[in-house]
Amino acid sequence: MLGRIVFFLCLPSVLAAQLCKPNAAEGFKVRLSIKTALGDKAYEWNRNQRFLFQAAIAFAMSHHLELEFNVSNILVCDETPRVSFWFVVTSPGDPSRLVGKESVELAVRESRSRINNILLLNDATLEFVGVLPTLTAPVKPATPSWLIVFGVVIGMVGAGIVFLLVSTVVQKKRKKNEVAEEEDDDEEAQMKRTAGNEGIYNTSFSEYDRNTQM
């Protein structure tokens, strides 16, 4: 009986040793540069910090796959003093089966900021080897695109209306000036003809004629 109890207690460790190992097909290597990130305030990497990392990865997996993962599903192995290690993720329903590498990578990328903040690190000092940088959500403009297009169209229409109004006013003013210049030229020509005939030109009659025509 005692032998069976010892066997079941040791079984998780045996499975972990078989599933989590360097260069595992579904595993990831992690490098931490705690001293570089925090300087004199750097913390020591220990079992508590490892537990915190496992909890962060379990959260990321639960969020991505909408399944309940816990720290026992995050297996860590091959830890080094310079703080690097490997980890794999086991299925919640079957601890002997590993979660696919692609799913783990997507989960890490989606929750990368959360994981960084939990460990007080960033993308440069918490490196998941082979995993692309943080997967950011697409930026949504504060103003809907249709409203922007509508505003541009209305602006163009308004500019066109203003241009037409200004053009009309300018043309009317130009035509009025041309008419005034023609009348002045006619009056000057008439005065010259009168002077050439040694006659006297009465400008009052010219002004009267102009008013009569108008």
C-alpha atoms as a PDB file:
ATOM      1  CA  MET A   1       0.000   0.000   0.000  1.00  0.00           C
ATOM      2  CA  LEU A   2       2.775   2.399   0.940  1.00  0.00           C
ATOM      3  CA  GLY A   3       4.546   1.591  -2.307  1.00  0.00           C
ATOM      4  CA  ARG A   4       1.494   2.582  -4.340  1.00  0.00           C
ATOM      5  CA  ILE A   5       1.208   5.898  -2.503  1.00  0.00           C
ATOM      6  CA  VAL A   6       4.862   6.690  -3.184  1.00  0.00           C
ATOM      7  CA  PHE A   7       4.389   5.715  -6.828  1.00  0.00           C
ATOM      8  CA  PHE A   8       1.435   8.067  -7.331  1.00  0.00           C
ATOM      9  CA  LEU A   9       3.256  10.887  -5.552  1.00  0.00           C
ATOM     10  CA  CYS A  10       6.275  10.484  -7.801  1.00  0.00           C
ATOM     11  CA  LEU A  11       4.241  10.033 -10.986  1.00  0.00           C
ATOM     12  CA  PRO A  12       3.842  13.788 -11.749  1.00  0.00           C
ATOM     13  CA  SER A  13       7.592  14.327 -11.437  1.00  0.00           C
ATOM     14  CA  VAL A  14       8.303  11.382 -13.717  1.00  0.00           C
ATOM     15  CA  LEU A  15       5.826  12.641 -16.331  1.00  0.00           C
ATOM     16  CA  ALA A  16       7.284  16.145 -16.087  1.00  0.00           C
ATOM     17  CA  ALA A  17      10.786  14.811 -16.672  1.00  0.00           C
ATOM     18  CA  GLN A  18       9.611  12.933 -19.745  1.00  0.00           C
ATOM     19  CA  LEU A  19       7.520  15.747 -21.214  1.00  0.00           C
ATOM     20  CA  CYS A  20       9.675  18.777 -20.380  1.00  0.00           C
ATOM     21  CA  LYS A  21      13.229  18.640 -21.636  1.00  0.00           C
ATOM     22  CA  PRO A  22      15.540  20.906 -23.680  1.00  0.00           C
ATOM     23  CA  ASN A  23      14.646  21.190 -27.348  1.00  0.00           C
ATOM     24  CA  ALA A  24      11.292  19.483 -26.803  1.00  0.00           C
ATOM     25  CA  ALA A  25       9.103  19.672 -29.893  1.00  0.00           C
ATOM     26  CA  GLU A  26       6.335  21.555 -28.053  1.00  0.00           C
ATOM     27  CA  GLY A  27       8.625  23.407 -25.648  1.00  0.00           C
ATOM     28  CA  PHE A  28       9.906  26.975 -25.406  1.00  0.00           C
ATOM     29  CA  LYS A  29      13.149  28.321 -24.018  1.00  0.00           C
ATOM     30  CA  VAL A  30      12.929  31.429 -21.844  1.00  0.00           C
ATOM     31  CA  ARG A  31      15.731  33.852 -20.960  1.00  0.00           C
ATOM     32  CA  LEU A  32      15.372  36.476 -18.234  1.00  0.00           C
ATOM     33  CA  SER A  33      17.649  39.512 -17.785  1.00  0.00           C
ATOM     34  CA  ILE A  34      16.455  40.596 -14.353  1.00  0.00           C
ATOM     35  CA  LYS A  35      19.604  42.539 -13.428  1.00  0.00           C
ATOM     36  CA  THR A  36      19.539  44.421 -16.731  1.00  0.00           C
ATOM     37  CA  ALA A  37      15.895  45.358 -16.267  1.00  0.00           C
ATOM     38  CA  LEU A  38      15.858  46.313 -12.578  1.00  0.00           C
ATOM     39  CA  GLY A  39      19.491  47.072 -11.683  1.00  0.00           C
ATOM     40  CA  ASP A  40      19.957  47.332  -7.898  1.00  0.00           C
ATOM     41  CA  LYS A  41      16.297  46.433  -7.391  1.00  0.00           C
ATOM     42  CA  ALA A  42      16.656  43.095  -9.187  1.00  0.00           C
ATOM     43  CA  TYR A  43      14.967  40.196  -7.413  1.00  0.00           C
ATOM     44  CA  GLU A  44      16.360  36.693  -7.009  1.00  0.00           C
ATOM     45  CA  TRP A  45      14.922  33.991  -9.228  1.00  0.00           C
ATOM     46  CA  ASN A  46      13.577  31.274  -6.948  1.00  0.00           C
ATOM     47  CA  ARG A  47      10.688  28.841  -6.653  1.00  0.00           C
ATOM     48  CA  ASN A  48       8.279  31.659  -5.816  1.00  0.00           C
ATOM     49  CA  GLN A  49       9.210  33.566  -8.965  1.00  0.00           C
ATOM     50  CA  ARG A  50       8.934  30.349 -10.964  1.00  0.00           C
ATOM     51  CA  PHE A  51       5.449  29.799  -9.537  1.00  0.00           C
ATOM     52  CA  LEU A  52       4.553  33.361 -10.569  1.00  0.00           C
ATOM     53  CA  PHE A  53       5.735  32.637 -14.113  1.00  0.00           C
ATOM     54  CA  GLN A  54       3.722  29.415 -14.233  1.00  0.00           C
ATOM     55  CA  ALA A  55       0.624  31.253 -13.008  1.00  0.00           C
ATOM     56  CA  ALA A  56       1.072  33.913 -15.703  1.00  0.00           C
ATOM     57  CA  ILE A  57       1.359  31.287 -18.450  1.00  0.00           C
ATOM     58  CA  ALA A  58      -1.656  29.407 -17.043  1.00  0.00           C
ATOM     59  CA  PHE A  59      -3.648  32.646 -17.216  1.00  0.00           C
ATOM     60  CA  ALA A  60      -2.540  33.242 -20.813  1.00  0.00           C
ATOM     61  CA  MET A  61      -3.543  29.712 -21.841  1.00  0.00           C
ATOM     62  CA  SER A  62      -6.921  29.966 -20.096  1.00  0.00           C
ATOM     63  CA  HIS A  63      -7.597  33.291 -21.777  1.00  0.00           C
ATOM     64  CA  HIS A  64      -6.617  32.052 -25.238  1.00  0.00           C
ATOM     65  CA  LEU A  65      -8.216  28.601 -25.286  1.00  0.00           C
ATOM     66  CA  GLU A  66     -11.060  29.366 -22.838  1.00  0.00           C
ATOM     67  CA  LEU A  67     -10.149  26.289 -20.796  1.00  0.00           C
ATOM     68  CA  GLU A  68      -9.155  26.065 -17.141  1.00  0.00           C
ATOM     69  CA  PHE A  69      -5.376  25.780 -16.869  1.00  0.00           C
ATOM     70  CA  ASN A  70      -3.465  25.887 -13.579  1.00  0.00           C
ATOM     71  CA  VAL A  71       0.182  25.965 -12.543  1.00  0.00           C
ATOM     72  CA  SER A  72       0.401  22.162 -12.596  1.00  0.00           C
ATOM     73  CA  ASN A  73      -0.149  22.313 -16.375  1.00  0.00           C
ATOM     74  CA  ILE A  74       2.961  24.484 -16.831  1.00  0.00           C
ATOM     75  CA  LEU A  75       6.049  22.283 -16.589  1.00  0.00           C
ATOM     76  CA  VAL A  76       9.431  24.007 -16.135  1.00  0.00           C
ATOM     77  CA  CYS A  77      12.778  22.256 -16.552  1.00  0.00           C
ATOM     78  CA  ASP A  78      16.500  22.739 -17.221  1.00  0.00           C
ATOM     79  CA  GLU A  79      16.810  25.912 -15.139  1.00  0.00           C
ATOM     80  CA  THR A  80      20.209  27.632 -15.140  1.00  0.00           C
ATOM     81  CA  PRO A  81      21.710  30.172 -12.677  1.00  0.00           C
ATOM     82  CA  ARG A  82      21.762  32.829 -15.401  1.00  0.00           C
ATOM     83  CA  VAL A  83      17.989  32.408 -15.367  1.00  0.00           C
ATOM     84  CA  SER A  84      17.049  30.495 -18.432  1.00  0.00           C
ATOM     85  CA  PHE A  85      14.790  27.472 -18.626  1.00  0.00           C
ATOM     86  CA  TRP A  86      12.424  25.470 -20.809  1.00  0.00           C
ATOM     87  CA  PHE A  87       8.702  25.019 -20.331  1.00  0.00           C
ATOM     88  CA  VAL A  88       5.855  23.034 -21.865  1.00  0.00           C
ATOM     89  CA  VAL A  89       2.090  23.132 -21.319  1.00  0.00           C
ATOM     90  CA  THR A  90       0.028  20.024 -20.660  1.00  0.00           C
ATOM     91  CA  SER A  91      -3.649  19.568 -21.468  1.00  0.00           C
ATOM     92  CA  PRO A  92      -6.050  20.185 -18.546  1.00  0.00           C
ATOM     93  CA  GLY A  93      -7.987  17.048 -19.429  1.00  0.00           C
ATOM     94  CA  ASP A  94      -4.946  14.821 -19.991  1.00  0.00           C
ATOM     95  CA  PRO A  95      -1.693  15.747 -18.174  1.00  0.00           C
ATOM     96  CA  SER A  96       0.237  13.266 -20.307  1.00  0.00           C
ATOM     97  CA  ARG A  97      -0.574  15.176 -23.513  1.00  0.00           C
ATOM     98  CA  LEU A  98       1.147  18.438 -24.464  1.00  0.00           C
ATOM     99  CA  VAL A  99      -0.635  21.454 -25.903  1.00  0.00           C
ATOM    100  CA  GLY A 100       0.525  22.314 -29.417  1.00  0.00           C
ATOM    101  CA  LYS A 101       3.365  24.797 -29.770  1.00  0.00           C
ATOM    102  CA  GLU A 102       1.343  27.100 -32.027  1.00  0.00           C
ATOM    103  CA  SER A 103      -1.433  27.474 -29.435  1.00  0.00           C
ATOM    104  CA  VAL A 104       1.079  28.226 -26.688  1.00  0.00           C
ATOM    105  CA  GLU A 105       2.844  30.819 -28.844  1.00  0.00           C
ATOM    106  CA  LEU A 106      -0.411  32.619 -29.665  1.00  0.00           C
ATOM    107  CA  ALA A 107      -1.418  32.602 -26.003  1.00  0.00           C
ATOM    108  CA  VAL A 108       1.934  34.095 -24.966  1.00  0.00           C
ATOM    109  CA  ARG A 109       1.774  36.771 -27.657  1.00  0.00           C
ATOM    110  CA  GLU A 110      -1.784  37.777 -26.750  1.00  0.00           C
ATOM    111  CA  SER A 111      -0.967  38.117 -23.030  1.00  0.00           C
ATOM    112  CA  ARG A 112       2.653  39.217 -23.373  1.00  0.00           C
ATOM    113  CA  SER A 113       2.106  42.570 -21.678  1.00  0.00           C
ATOM    114  CA  ARG A 114       0.443  40.880 -18.687  1.00  0.00           C
ATOM    115  CA  ILE A 115       3.283  38.374 -18.369  1.00  0.00           C
ATOM    116  CA  ASN A 116       5.896  41.144 -18.619  1.00  0.00           C
ATOM    117  CA  ASN A 117       4.166  43.259 -15.975  1.00  0.00           C
ATOM    118  CA  ILE A 118       3.828  40.352 -13.540  1.00  0.00           C
ATOM    119  CA  LEU A 119       7.597  39.748 -13.664  1.00  0.00           C
ATOM    120  CA  LEU A 120       8.473  43.484 -13.892  1.00  0.00           C
ATOM    121  CA  LEU A 121      10.209  42.905 -17.231  1.00  0.00           C
ATOM    122  CA  ASN A 122       9.665  43.776 -20.904  1.00  0.00           C
ATOM    123  CA  ASP A 123      10.038  42.170 -24.328  1.00  0.00           C
ATOM    124  CA  ALA A 124      13.800  42.804 -24.288  1.00  0.00           C
ATOM    125  CA  THR A 125      14.474  41.375 -20.818  1.00  0.00           C
ATOM    126  CA  LEU A 126      11.947  38.515 -20.900  1.00  0.00           C
ATOM    127  CA  GLU A 127      12.716  36.572 -24.050  1.00  0.00           C
ATOM    128  CA  PHE A 128      10.624  33.690 -25.310  1.00  0.00           C
ATOM    129  CA  VAL A 129      13.051  32.234 -27.838  1.00  0.00           C
ATOM    130  CA  GLY A 130      11.367  31.852 -31.214  1.00  0.00           C
ATOM    131  CA  VAL A 131       8.260  33.825 -30.241  1.00  0.00           C
ATOM    132  CA  LEU A 132       7.572  37.061 -32.094  1.00  0.00           C
ATOM    133  CA  PRO A 133       7.186  40.321 -30.134  1.00  0.00           C
ATOM    134  CA  THR A 134       3.990  41.346 -28.418  1.00  0.00           C
ATOM    135  CA  LEU A 135       0.853  40.770 -30.477  1.00  0.00           C
ATOM    136  CA  THR A 136      -0.948  44.106 -30.284  1.00  0.00           C
ATOM    137  CA  ALA A 137      -4.585  44.573 -31.087  1.00  0.00           C
ATOM    138  CA  PRO A 138      -5.389  46.498 -34.235  1.00  0.00           C
ATOM    139  CA  VAL A 139      -5.749  50.197 -33.670  1.00  0.00           C
ATOM    140  CA  LYS A 140      -9.312  51.407 -34.061  1.00  0.00           C
ATOM    141  CA  PRO A 141      -9.735  55.058 -35.040  1.00  0.00           C
ATOM    142  CA  ALA A 142     -11.667  57.157 -32.555  1.00  0.00           C
ATOM    143  CA  THR A 143     -13.837  58.471 -35.408  1.00  0.00           C
ATOM    144  CA  PRO A 144     -15.678  55.994 -37.682  1.00  0.00           C
ATOM    145  CA  SER A 145     -14.276  55.830 -41.214  1.00  0.00           C
ATOM    146  CA  TRP A 146     -17.654  56.582 -42.793  1.00  0.00           C
ATOM    147  CA  LEU A 147     -17.866  59.802 -40.791  1.00  0.00           C
ATOM    148  CA  ILE A 148     -14.400  60.825 -41.980  1.00  0.00           C
ATOM    149  CA  VAL A 149     -15.380  60.186 -45.622  1.00  0.00           C
ATOM    150  CA  PHE A 150     -18.633  62.095 -45.120  1.00  0.00           C
ATOM    151  CA  GLY A 151     -16.738  65.045 -43.674  1.00  0.00           C
ATOM    152  CA  VAL A 152     -14.296  65.077 -46.604  1.00  0.00           C
ATOM    153  CA  VAL A 153     -17.153  65.015 -49.137  1.00  0.00           C
ATOM    154  CA  ILE A 154     -19.044  67.793 -47.348  1.00  0.00           C
ATOM    155  CA  GLY A 155     -15.852  69.841 -47.179  1.00  0.00           C
ATOM    156  CA  MET A 156     -15.271  69.455 -50.923  1.00  0.00           C
ATOM    157  CA  VAL A 157     -18.885  70.413 -51.690  1.00  0.00           C
ATOM    158  CA  GLY A 158     -18.629  73.452 -49.432  1.00  0.00           C
ATOM    159  CA  ALA A 159     -15.375  74.524 -51.072  1.00  0.00           C
ATOM    160  CA  GLY A 160     -17.002  74.171 -54.506  1.00  0.00           C
ATOM    161  CA  ILE A 161     -19.959  76.344 -53.481  1.00  0.00           C
ATOM    162  CA  VAL A 162     -17.671  79.042 -52.092  1.00  0.00           C
ATOM    163  CA  PHE A 163     -15.606  78.961 -55.290  1.00  0.00           C
ATOM    164  CA  LEU A 164     -18.715  79.399 -57.463  1.00  0.00           C
ATOM    165  CA  LEU A 165     -20.004  82.305 -55.357  1.00  0.00           C
ATOM    166  CA  VAL A 166     -16.664  84.091 -55.421  1.00  0.00           C
ATOM    167  CA  SER A 167     -16.306  83.512 -59.181  1.00  0.00           C
ATOM    168  CA  THR A 168     -19.798  84.934 -59.803  1.00  0.00           C
ATOM    169  CA  VAL A 169     -19.092  88.064 -57.751  1.00  0.00           C
ATOM    170  CA  VAL A 170     -15.749  88.600 -59.486  1.00  0.00           C
ATOM    171  CA  GLN A 171     -17.300  88.184 -62.959  1.00  0.00           C
ATOM    172  CA  LYS A 172     -20.112  90.645 -62.176  1.00  0.00           C
ATOM    173  CA  LYS A 173     -17.655  93.195 -60.850  1.00  0.00           C
ATOM    174  CA  ARG A 174     -15.407  92.742 -63.872  1.00  0.00           C
ATOM    175  CA  LYS A 175     -18.344  93.145 -66.277  1.00  0.00           C
ATOM    176  CA  LYS A 176     -19.499  96.274 -64.461  1.00  0.00           C
ATOM    177  CA  ASN A 177     -16.013  97.783 -64.745  1.00  0.00           C
ATOM    178  CA  GLU A 178     -15.881  96.945 -68.460  1.00  0.00           C
ATOM    179  CA  VAL A 179     -19.237  98.687 -69.077  1.00  0.00           C
ATOM    180  CA  ALA A 180     -18.061 101.761 -67.179  1.00  0.00           C
ATOM    181  CA  GLU A 181     -14.830 101.857 -69.189  1.00  0.00           C
ATOM    182  CA  GLU A 182     -16.749 101.582 -72.479  1.00  0.00           C
ATOM    183  CA  GLU A 183     -19.017 104.489 -71.495  1.00  0.00           C
ATOM    184  CA  ASP A 184     -16.017 106.601 -70.565  1.00  0.00           C
ATOM    185  CA  ASP A 185     -14.372 105.775 -73.897  1.00  0.00           C
ATOM    186  CA  ASP A 186     -17.550 106.746 -75.804  1.00  0.00           C
ATOM    187  CA  GLU A 187     -17.793 110.037 -73.973  1.00  0.00           C
ATOM    188  CA  GLU A 188     -14.133 110.826 -74.593  1.00  0.00           C
ATOM    189  CA  ALA A 189     -14.462 110.005 -78.287  1.00  0.00           C
ATOM    190  CA  GLN A 190     -17.523 112.225 -78.610  1.00  0.00           C
ATOM    191  CA  MET A 191     -15.713 115.096 -76.930  1.00  0.00           C
ATOM    192  CA  LYS A 192     -12.827 114.712 -79.353  1.00  0.00           C
ATOM    193  CA  ARG A 193     -15.152 114.770 -82.342  1.00  0.00           C
ATOM    194  CA  THR A 194     -16.824 117.903 -81.067  1.00  0.00           C
ATOM    195  CA  ALA A 195     -13.500 119.583 -80.480  1.00  0.00           C
ATOM    196  CA  GLY A 196     -12.388 118.605 -83.979  1.00  0.00           C
ATOM    197  CA  ASN A 197     -15.458 120.346 -85.407  1.00  0.00           C
ATOM    198  CA  GLU A 198     -14.573 123.456 -83.386  1.00  0.00           C
ATOM    199  CA  GLY A 199     -17.812 123.014 -81.547  1.00  0.00           C
ATOM    200  CA  ILE A 200     -18.643 123.079 -77.900  1.00  0.00           C
ATOM    201  CA  TYR A 201     -19.576 119.841 -76.192  1.00  0.00           C
ATOM    202  CA  ASN A 202     -22.013 120.130 -73.343  1.00  0.00           C
ATOM    203  CA  THR A 203     -21.291 117.334 -70.887  1.00  0.00           C
ATOM    204  CA  SER A 204     -24.607 117.827 -69.134  1.00  0.00           C
ATOM    205  CA  PHE A 205     -26.450 116.511 -72.208  1.00  0.00           C
ATOM    206  CA  SER A 206     -24.089 113.538 -72.303  1.00  0.00           C
ATOM    207  CA  GLU A 207     -24.858 112.762 -68.700  1.00  0.00           C
ATOM    208  CA  TYR A 208     -28.582 113.150 -69.457  1.00  0.00           C
ATOM    209  CA  ASP A 209     -28.324 110.783 -72.411  1.00  0.00           C
ATOM    210  CA  ARG A 210     -26.527 108.220 -70.292  1.00  0.00           C
ATOM    211  CA  ASN A 211     -29.162 108.358 -67.594  1.00  0.00           C
ATOM    212  CA  THR A 212     -31.892 108.093 -70.220  1.00  0.00           C
ATOM    213  CA  GLN A 213     -30.297 104.939 -71.634  1.00  0.00           C
ATOM    214  CA  MET A 214     -30.084 103.413 -68.198  1.00  0.00           C
END
